[in-house]
Amino acid sequence: MNPVETFHIEILGGEDEPEQERIRQRVSMRTASVEAAKDRALRLFARARVPQRVGEPAESVRVIDGAGTEVFHWSRFDERG
């Protein structure tokens, strides 16, 4: 069994924004699977892109592990594949 780890999910705005302003939402979760963190990240990203949301839609989402390494990244351009 894998040990439980903390993953940080960040919903991001456009790349032209300063890094600190780019982060629209940050969620932390504890799970033993990076796949579970990816699934949650994609659900949060889809919710952040709905037309009813106030402000500009999110541009991308990333998952960072407890060591600070990005383990997953998905952008609005990846949706068209």
PDB file of N, CA and C in Angstrom:
ATOM      1  N   MET A   1       0.848  -1.182   0.000  1.00  0.00           N
ATOM      2  CA  MET A   1       0.000   0.000   0.000  1.00  0.00           C
ATOM      3  C   MET A   1       0.895   1.247   0.000  1.00  0.00           C
ATOM      4  N   ASN A   2       0.543   2.223  -0.834  1.00  0.00           N
ATOM      5  CA  ASN A   2       1.291   3.473  -0.904  1.00  0.00           C
ATOM      6  C   ASN A   2       0.994   4.337   0.314  1.00  0.00           C
ATOM      7  N   PRO A   3       2.016   5.057   0.791  1.00  0.00           N
ATOM      8  CA  PRO A   3       1.760   5.977   1.901  1.00  0.00           C
ATOM      9  C   PRO A   3       0.933   7.168   1.434  1.00  0.00           C
ATOM     10  N   VAL A   4       0.172   7.743   2.341  1.00  0.00           N
ATOM     11  CA  VAL A   4      -0.647   8.914   2.020  1.00  0.00           C
ATOM     12  C   VAL A   4       0.277  10.113   1.863  1.00  0.00           C
ATOM     13  N   GLU A   5       0.031  10.908   0.833  1.00  0.00           N
ATOM     14  CA  GLU A   5       0.850  12.074   0.531  1.00  0.00           C
ATOM     15  C   GLU A   5      -0.056  13.287   0.329  1.00  0.00           C
ATOM     16  N   THR A   6       0.460  14.461   0.559  1.00  0.00           N
ATOM     17  CA  THR A   6      -0.283  15.692   0.318  1.00  0.00           C
ATOM     18  C   THR A   6       0.029  16.195  -1.087  1.00  0.00           C
ATOM     19  N   PHE A   7      -1.015  16.503  -1.839  1.00  0.00           N
ATOM     20  CA  PHE A   7      -0.879  17.094  -3.169  1.00  0.00           C
ATOM     21  C   PHE A   7      -1.564  18.450  -3.156  1.00  0.00           C
ATOM     22  N   HIS A   8      -0.997  19.397  -3.873  1.00  0.00           N
ATOM     23  CA  HIS A   8      -1.553  20.738  -3.982  1.00  0.00           C
ATOM     24  C   HIS A   8      -2.026  20.934  -5.415  1.00  0.00           C
ATOM     25  N   ILE A   9      -3.285  21.292  -5.572  1.00  0.00           N
ATOM     26  CA  ILE A   9      -3.878  21.530  -6.885  1.00  0.00           C
ATOM     27  C   ILE A   9      -4.041  23.030  -7.042  1.00  0.00           C
ATOM     28  N   GLU A  10      -3.529  23.574  -8.146  1.00  0.00           N
ATOM     29  CA  GLU A  10      -3.622  25.004  -8.403  1.00  0.00           C
ATOM     30  C   GLU A  10      -4.329  25.248  -9.728  1.00  0.00           C
ATOM     31  N   ILE A  11      -5.396  26.035  -9.672  1.00  0.00           N
ATOM     32  CA  ILE A  11      -6.104  26.479 -10.871  1.00  0.00           C
ATOM     33  C   ILE A  11      -5.454  27.797 -11.272  1.00  0.00           C
ATOM     34  N   LEU A  12      -5.017  27.903 -12.533  1.00  0.00           N
ATOM     35  CA  LEU A  12      -4.225  29.043 -12.977  1.00  0.00           C
ATOM     36  C   LEU A  12      -4.923  29.871 -14.045  1.00  0.00           C
ATOM     37  N   GLY A  13      -4.623  31.175 -14.022  1.00  0.00           N
ATOM     38  CA  GLY A  13      -5.079  32.095 -15.056  1.00  0.00           C
ATOM     39  C   GLY A  13      -4.085  32.089 -16.207  1.00  0.00           C
ATOM     40  N   GLY A  14      -4.101  33.134 -17.010  1.00  0.00           N
ATOM     41  CA  GLY A  14      -3.254  33.229 -18.196  1.00  0.00           C
ATOM     42  C   GLY A  14      -1.774  33.356 -17.871  1.00  0.00           C
ATOM     43  N   GLU A  15      -0.925  32.921 -18.799  1.00  0.00           N
ATOM     44  CA  GLU A  15       0.522  32.947 -18.603  1.00  0.00           C
ATOM     45  C   GLU A  15       1.089  34.357 -18.585  1.00  0.00           C
ATOM     46  N   ASP A  16       0.345  35.329 -19.102  1.00  0.00           N
ATOM     47  CA  ASP A  16       0.826  36.706 -19.109  1.00  0.00           C
ATOM     48  C   ASP A  16       0.655  37.401 -17.757  1.00  0.00           C
ATOM     49  N   GLU A  17      -0.006  36.746 -16.811  1.00  0.00           N
ATOM     50  CA  GLU A  17      -0.209  37.307 -15.475  1.00  0.00           C
ATOM     51  C   GLU A  17       1.004  36.995 -14.595  1.00  0.00           C
ATOM     52  N   PRO A  18       1.318  37.873 -13.616  1.00  0.00           N
ATOM     53  CA  PRO A  18       2.390  37.562 -12.659  1.00  0.00           C
ATOM     54  C   PRO A  18       2.060  36.270 -11.902  1.00  0.00           C
ATOM     55  N   GLU A  19       3.080  35.502 -11.534  1.00  0.00           N
ATOM     56  CA  GLU A  19       2.894  34.175 -10.938  1.00  0.00           C
ATOM     57  C   GLU A  19       1.940  34.179  -9.748  1.00  0.00           C
ATOM     58  N   GLN A  20       2.089  35.112  -8.821  1.00  0.00           N
ATOM     59  CA  GLN A  20       1.226  35.126  -7.645  1.00  0.00           C
ATOM     60  C   GLN A  20      -0.220  35.467  -7.993  1.00  0.00           C
ATOM     61  N   GLU A  21      -0.440  36.265  -9.020  1.00  0.00           N
ATOM     62  CA  GLU A  21      -1.803  36.613  -9.435  1.00  0.00           C
ATOM     63  C   GLU A  21      -2.396  35.535 -10.334  1.00  0.00           C
ATOM     64  N   ARG A  22      -1.550  34.704 -10.886  1.00  0.00           N
ATOM     65  CA  ARG A  22      -1.985  33.634 -11.785  1.00  0.00           C
ATOM     66  C   ARG A  22      -2.776  32.558 -11.054  1.00  0.00           C
ATOM     67  N   ILE A  23      -2.451  32.327  -9.803  1.00  0.00           N
ATOM     68  CA  ILE A  23      -3.113  31.266  -9.044  1.00  0.00           C
ATOM     69  C   ILE A  23      -4.491  31.757  -8.623  1.00  0.00           C
ATOM     70  N   ARG A  24      -5.518  31.165  -9.215  1.00  0.00           N
ATOM     71  CA  ARG A  24      -6.904  31.564  -8.931  1.00  0.00           C
ATOM     72  C   ARG A  24      -7.487  30.793  -7.757  1.00  0.00           C
ATOM     73  N   GLN A  25      -7.061  29.544  -7.626  1.00  0.00           N
ATOM     74  CA  GLN A  25      -7.585  28.693  -6.554  1.00  0.00           C
ATOM     75  C   GLN A  25      -6.518  27.665  -6.204  1.00  0.00           C
ATOM     76  N   ARG A  26      -6.395  27.365  -4.927  1.00  0.00           N
ATOM     77  CA  ARG A  26      -5.435  26.346  -4.477  1.00  0.00           C
ATOM     78  C   ARG A  26      -6.162  25.412  -3.522  1.00  0.00           C
ATOM     79  N   VAL A  27      -6.044  24.131  -3.780  1.00  0.00           N
ATOM     80  CA  VAL A  27      -6.685  23.106  -2.952  1.00  0.00           C
ATOM     81  C   VAL A  27      -5.622  22.079  -2.582  1.00  0.00           C
ATOM     82  N   SER A  28      -5.599  21.670  -1.342  1.00  0.00           N
ATOM     83  CA  SER A  28      -4.695  20.606  -0.906  1.00  0.00           C
ATOM     84  C   SER A  28      -5.525  19.375  -0.597  1.00  0.00           C
ATOM     85  N   MET A  29      -4.971  18.231  -0.929  1.00  0.00           N
ATOM     86  CA  MET A  29      -5.662  16.981  -0.624  1.00  0.00           C
ATOM     87  C   MET A  29      -4.646  15.927  -0.232  1.00  0.00           C
ATOM     88  N   ARG A  30      -5.080  15.001   0.611  1.00  0.00           N
ATOM     89  CA  ARG A  30      -4.221  13.893   1.022  1.00  0.00           C
ATOM     90  C   ARG A  30      -4.773  12.623   0.411  1.00  0.00           C
ATOM     91  N   THR A  31      -3.892  11.923  -0.310  1.00  0.00           N
ATOM     92  CA  THR A  31      -4.282  10.679  -0.953  1.00  0.00           C
ATOM     93  C   THR A  31      -3.037   9.828  -1.169  1.00  0.00           C
ATOM     94  N   ALA A  32      -3.231   8.555  -1.389  1.00  0.00           N
ATOM     95  CA  ALA A  32      -2.108   7.652  -1.650  1.00  0.00           C
ATOM     96  C   ALA A  32      -1.828   7.523  -3.140  1.00  0.00           C
ATOM     97  N   SER A  33      -2.622   8.202  -3.968  1.00  0.00           N
ATOM     98  CA  SER A  33      -2.509   8.019  -5.409  1.00  0.00           C
ATOM     99  C   SER A  33      -2.446   9.354  -6.142  1.00  0.00           C
ATOM    100  N   VAL A  34      -1.434   9.508  -6.980  1.00  0.00           N
ATOM    101  CA  VAL A  34      -1.353  10.710  -7.810  1.00  0.00           C
ATOM    102  C   VAL A  34      -2.513  10.733  -8.809  1.00  0.00           C
ATOM    103  N   GLU A  35      -3.009   9.575  -9.190  1.00  0.00           N
ATOM    104  CA  GLU A  35      -4.144   9.495 -10.109  1.00  0.00           C
ATOM    105  C   GLU A  35      -5.395  10.125  -9.494  1.00  0.00           C
ATOM    106  N   ALA A  36      -5.613   9.906  -8.208  1.00  0.00           N
ATOM    107  CA  ALA A  36      -6.760  10.523  -7.531  1.00  0.00           C
ATOM    108  C   ALA A  36      -6.615  12.037  -7.523  1.00  0.00           C
ATOM    109  N   ALA A  37      -5.394  12.528  -7.324  1.00  0.00           N
ATOM    110  CA  ALA A  37      -5.155  13.975  -7.348  1.00  0.00           C
ATOM    111  C   ALA A  37      -5.392  14.536  -8.749  1.00  0.00           C
ATOM    112  N   LYS A  38      -4.975  13.808  -9.778  1.00  0.00           N
ATOM    113  CA  LYS A  38      -5.205  14.241 -11.173  1.00  0.00           C
ATOM    114  C   LYS A  38      -6.702  14.316 -11.476  1.00  0.00           C
ATOM    115  N   ASP A  39      -7.435  13.296 -11.053  1.00  0.00           N
ATOM    116  CA  ASP A  39      -8.886  13.279 -11.288  1.00  0.00           C
ATOM    117  C   ASP A  39      -9.562  14.471 -10.623  1.00  0.00           C
ATOM    118  N   ARG A  40      -9.192  14.748  -9.377  1.00  0.00           N
ATOM    119  CA  ARG A  40      -9.784  15.892  -8.674  1.00  0.00           C
ATOM    120  C   ARG A  40      -9.395  17.193  -9.355  1.00  0.00           C
ATOM    121  N   ALA A  41      -8.145  17.297  -9.808  1.00  0.00           N
ATOM    122  CA  ALA A  41      -7.679  18.505 -10.490  1.00  0.00           C
ATOM    123  C   ALA A  41      -8.491  18.753 -11.757  1.00  0.00           C
ATOM    124  N   LEU A  42      -8.756  17.708 -12.525  1.00  0.00           N
ATOM    125  CA  LEU A  42      -9.528  17.880 -13.760  1.00  0.00           C
ATOM    126  C   LEU A  42     -10.971  18.276 -13.472  1.00  0.00           C
ATOM    127  N   ARG A  43     -11.553  17.740 -12.398  1.00  0.00           N
ATOM    128  CA  ARG A  43     -12.914  18.139 -12.023  1.00  0.00           C
ATOM    129  C   ARG A  43     -12.956  19.607 -11.601  1.00  0.00           C
ATOM    130  N   LEU A  44     -11.979  20.030 -10.804  1.00  0.00           N
ATOM    131  CA  LEU A  44     -11.917  21.434 -10.383  1.00  0.00           C
ATOM    132  C   LEU A  44     -11.689  22.356 -11.583  1.00  0.00           C
ATOM    133  N   PHE A  45     -10.849  21.930 -12.508  1.00  0.00           N
ATOM    134  CA  PHE A  45     -10.573  22.724 -13.704  1.00  0.00           C
ATOM    135  C   PHE A  45     -11.831  22.882 -14.552  1.00  0.00           C
ATOM    136  N   ALA A  46     -12.573  21.805 -14.730  1.00  0.00           N
ATOM    137  CA  ALA A  46     -13.817  21.875 -15.507  1.00  0.00           C
ATOM    138  C   ALA A  46     -14.795  22.845 -14.857  1.00  0.00           C
ATOM    139  N   ARG A  47     -14.895  22.807 -13.548  1.00  0.00           N
ATOM    140  CA  ARG A  47     -15.788  23.712 -12.824  1.00  0.00           C
ATOM    141  C   ARG A  47     -15.328  25.167 -12.964  1.00  0.00           C
ATOM    142  N   ALA A  48     -14.026  25.386 -13.004  1.00  0.00           N
ATOM    143  CA  ALA A  48     -13.478  26.746 -13.111  1.00  0.00           C
ATOM    144  C   ALA A  48     -13.637  27.323 -14.512  1.00  0.00           C
ATOM    145  N   ARG A  49     -14.018  26.497 -15.473  1.00  0.00           N
ATOM    146  CA  ARG A  49     -14.162  26.956 -16.852  1.00  0.00           C
ATOM    147  C   ARG A  49     -15.620  27.126 -17.291  1.00  0.00           C
ATOM    148  N   VAL A  50     -16.578  26.878 -16.427  1.00  0.00           N
ATOM    149  CA  VAL A  50     -17.987  27.004 -16.815  1.00  0.00           C
ATOM    150  C   VAL A  50     -18.316  28.471 -17.092  1.00  0.00           C
ATOM    151  N   PRO A  51     -19.184  28.723 -18.052  1.00  0.00           N
ATOM    152  CA  PRO A  51     -19.506  30.108 -18.424  1.00  0.00           C
ATOM    153  C   PRO A  51     -20.124  30.939 -17.296  1.00  0.00           C
ATOM    154  N   GLN A  52     -20.781  30.311 -16.335  1.00  0.00           N
ATOM    155  CA  GLN A  52     -21.432  31.038 -15.263  1.00  0.00           C
ATOM    156  C   GLN A  52     -20.446  31.595 -14.240  1.00  0.00           C
ATOM    157  N   ARG A  53     -19.226  31.137 -14.266  1.00  0.00           N
ATOM    158  CA  ARG A  53     -18.208  31.568 -13.292  1.00  0.00           C
ATOM    159  C   ARG A  53     -17.870  33.035 -13.508  1.00  0.00           C
ATOM    160  N   VAL A  54     -17.693  33.773 -12.422  1.00  0.00           N
ATOM    161  CA  VAL A  54     -17.361  35.192 -12.478  1.00  0.00           C
ATOM    162  C   VAL A  54     -15.885  35.348 -12.868  1.00  0.00           C
ATOM    163  N   GLY A  55     -15.590  36.311 -13.719  1.00  0.00           N
ATOM    164  CA  GLY A  55     -14.212  36.562 -14.130  1.00  0.00           C
ATOM    165  C   GLY A  55     -13.811  35.720 -15.330  1.00  0.00           C
ATOM    166  N   GLU A  56     -12.537  35.847 -15.679  1.00  0.00           N
ATOM    167  CA  GLU A  56     -12.010  35.093 -16.813  1.00  0.00           C
ATOM    168  C   GLU A  56     -11.931  33.606 -16.478  1.00  0.00           C
ATOM    169  N   PRO A  57     -12.186  32.737 -17.470  1.00  0.00           N
ATOM    170  CA  PRO A  57     -12.075  31.302 -17.200  1.00  0.00           C
ATOM    171  C   PRO A  57     -10.619  30.904 -16.939  1.00  0.00           C
ATOM    172  N   ALA A  58     -10.448  29.834 -16.201  1.00  0.00           N
ATOM    173  CA  ALA A  58      -9.114  29.322 -15.901  1.00  0.00           C
ATOM    174  C   ALA A  58      -8.441  28.851 -17.187  1.00  0.00           C
ATOM    175  N   GLU A  59      -7.121  28.973 -17.227  1.00  0.00           N
ATOM    176  CA  GLU A  59      -6.346  28.569 -18.398  1.00  0.00           C
ATOM    177  C   GLU A  59      -5.728  27.184 -18.230  1.00  0.00           C
ATOM    178  N   SER A  60      -5.340  26.838 -16.992  1.00  0.00           N
ATOM    179  CA  SER A  60      -4.692  25.544 -16.771  1.00  0.00           C
ATOM    180  C   SER A  60      -4.811  25.138 -15.304  1.00  0.00           C
ATOM    181  N   VAL A  61      -4.411  23.897 -15.060  1.00  0.00           N
ATOM    182  CA  VAL A  61      -4.393  23.356 -13.699  1.00  0.00           C
ATOM    183  C   VAL A  61      -3.106  22.561 -13.552  1.00  0.00           C
ATOM    184  N   ARG A  62      -2.558  22.561 -12.334  1.00  0.00           N
ATOM    185  CA  ARG A  62      -1.369  21.744 -12.085  1.00  0.00           C
ATOM    186  C   ARG A  62      -1.498  21.084 -10.730  1.00  0.00           C
ATOM    187  N   VAL A  63      -0.814  19.940 -10.603  1.00  0.00           N
ATOM    188  CA  VAL A  63      -0.757  19.208  -9.342  1.00  0.00           C
ATOM    189  C   VAL A  63       0.701  19.182  -8.909  1.00  0.00           C
ATOM    190  N   ILE A  64       0.937  19.578  -7.669  1.00  0.00           N
ATOM    191  CA  ILE A  64       2.278  19.615  -7.106  1.00  0.00           C
ATOM    192  C   ILE A  64       2.315  18.659  -5.921  1.00  0.00           C
ATOM    193  N   ASP A  65       3.339  17.810  -5.885  1.00  0.00           N
ATOM    194  CA  ASP A  65       3.429  16.864  -4.767  1.00  0.00           C
ATOM    195  C   ASP A  65       3.992  17.549  -3.526  1.00  0.00           C
ATOM    196  N   GLY A  66       4.076  16.826  -2.441  1.00  0.00           N
ATOM    197  CA  GLY A  66       4.528  17.384  -1.177  1.00  0.00           C
ATOM    198  C   GLY A  66       5.957  17.902  -1.205  1.00  0.00           C
ATOM    199  N   ALA A  67       6.768  17.424  -2.155  1.00  0.00           N
ATOM    200  CA  ALA A  67       8.156  17.878  -2.282  1.00  0.00           C
ATOM    201  C   ALA A  67       8.274  19.129  -3.145  1.00  0.00           C
ATOM    202  N   GLY A  68       7.144  19.587  -3.701  1.00  0.00           N
ATOM    203  CA  GLY A  68       7.158  20.791  -4.531  1.00  0.00           C
ATOM    204  C   GLY A  68       7.394  20.538  -6.003  1.00  0.00           C
ATOM    205  N   THR A  69       7.314  19.298  -6.431  1.00  0.00           N
ATOM    206  CA  THR A  69       7.519  18.936  -7.824  1.00  0.00           C
ATOM    207  C   THR A  69       6.180  18.859  -8.552  1.00  0.00           C
ATOM    208  N   GLU A  70       6.097  19.507  -9.699  1.00  0.00           N
ATOM    209  CA  GLU A  70       4.877  19.427 -10.496  1.00  0.00           C
ATOM    210  C   GLU A  70       4.782  18.026 -11.093  1.00  0.00           C
ATOM    211  N   VAL A  71       3.683  17.332 -10.801  1.00  0.00           N
ATOM    212  CA  VAL A  71       3.514  15.963 -11.277  1.00  0.00           C
ATOM    213  C   VAL A  71       2.441  15.846 -12.348  1.00  0.00           C
ATOM    214  N   PHE A  72       1.706  16.936 -12.577  1.00  0.00           N
ATOM    215  CA  PHE A  72       0.646  16.917 -13.592  1.00  0.00           C
ATOM    216  C   PHE A  72       0.334  18.345 -13.987  1.00  0.00           C
ATOM    217  N   HIS A  73       0.093  18.540 -15.281  1.00  0.00           N
ATOM    218  CA  HIS A  73      -0.299  19.859 -15.790  1.00  0.00           C
ATOM    219  C   HIS A  73      -1.276  19.636 -16.941  1.00  0.00           C
ATOM    220  N   TRP A  74      -2.343  20.435 -16.972  1.00  0.00           N
ATOM    221  CA  TRP A  74      -3.352  20.322 -18.014  1.00  0.00           C
ATOM    222  C   TRP A  74      -3.807  21.732 -18.354  1.00  0.00           C
ATOM    223  N   SER A  75      -3.914  22.051 -19.639  1.00  0.00           N
ATOM    224  CA  SER A  75      -4.360  23.386 -20.019  1.00  0.00           C
ATOM    225  C   SER A  75      -5.610  23.296 -20.875  1.00  0.00           C
ATOM    226  N   ARG A  76      -6.198  24.448 -21.129  1.00  0.00           N
ATOM    227  CA  ARG A  76      -7.407  24.475 -21.954  1.00  0.00           C
ATOM    228  C   ARG A  76      -7.103  23.986 -23.366  1.00  0.00           C
ATOM    229  N   PHE A  77      -5.864  24.081 -23.808  1.00  0.00           N
ATOM    230  CA  PHE A  77      -5.489  23.602 -25.136  1.00  0.00           C
ATOM    231  C   PHE A  77      -5.445  22.079 -25.198  1.00  0.00           C
ATOM    232  N   ASP A  78      -5.211  21.419 -24.069  1.00  0.00           N
ATOM    233  CA  ASP A  78      -5.173  19.961 -24.025  1.00  0.00           C
ATOM    234  C   ASP A  78      -6.572  19.372 -24.180  1.00  0.00           C
ATOM    235  N   GLU A  79      -7.609  20.149 -23.930  1.00  0.00           N
ATOM    236  CA  GLU A  79      -8.985  19.653 -24.028  1.00  0.00           C
ATOM    237  C   GLU A  79      -9.382  19.314 -25.454  1.00  0.00           C
ATOM    238  N   ARG A  80      -8.727  19.911 -26.406  1.00  0.00           N
ATOM    239  CA  ARG A  80      -9.125  19.725 -27.811  1.00  0.00           C
ATOM    240  C   ARG A  80      -8.539  18.471 -28.442  1.00  0.00           C
ATOM    241  N   GLY A  81      -7.785  17.690 -27.697  1.00  0.00           N
ATOM    242  CA  GLY A  81      -7.104  16.556 -28.281  1.00  0.00           C
ATOM    243  C   GLY A  81      -7.972  15.407 -28.461  1.00  0.00           C
TER     244      GLY A  81
END
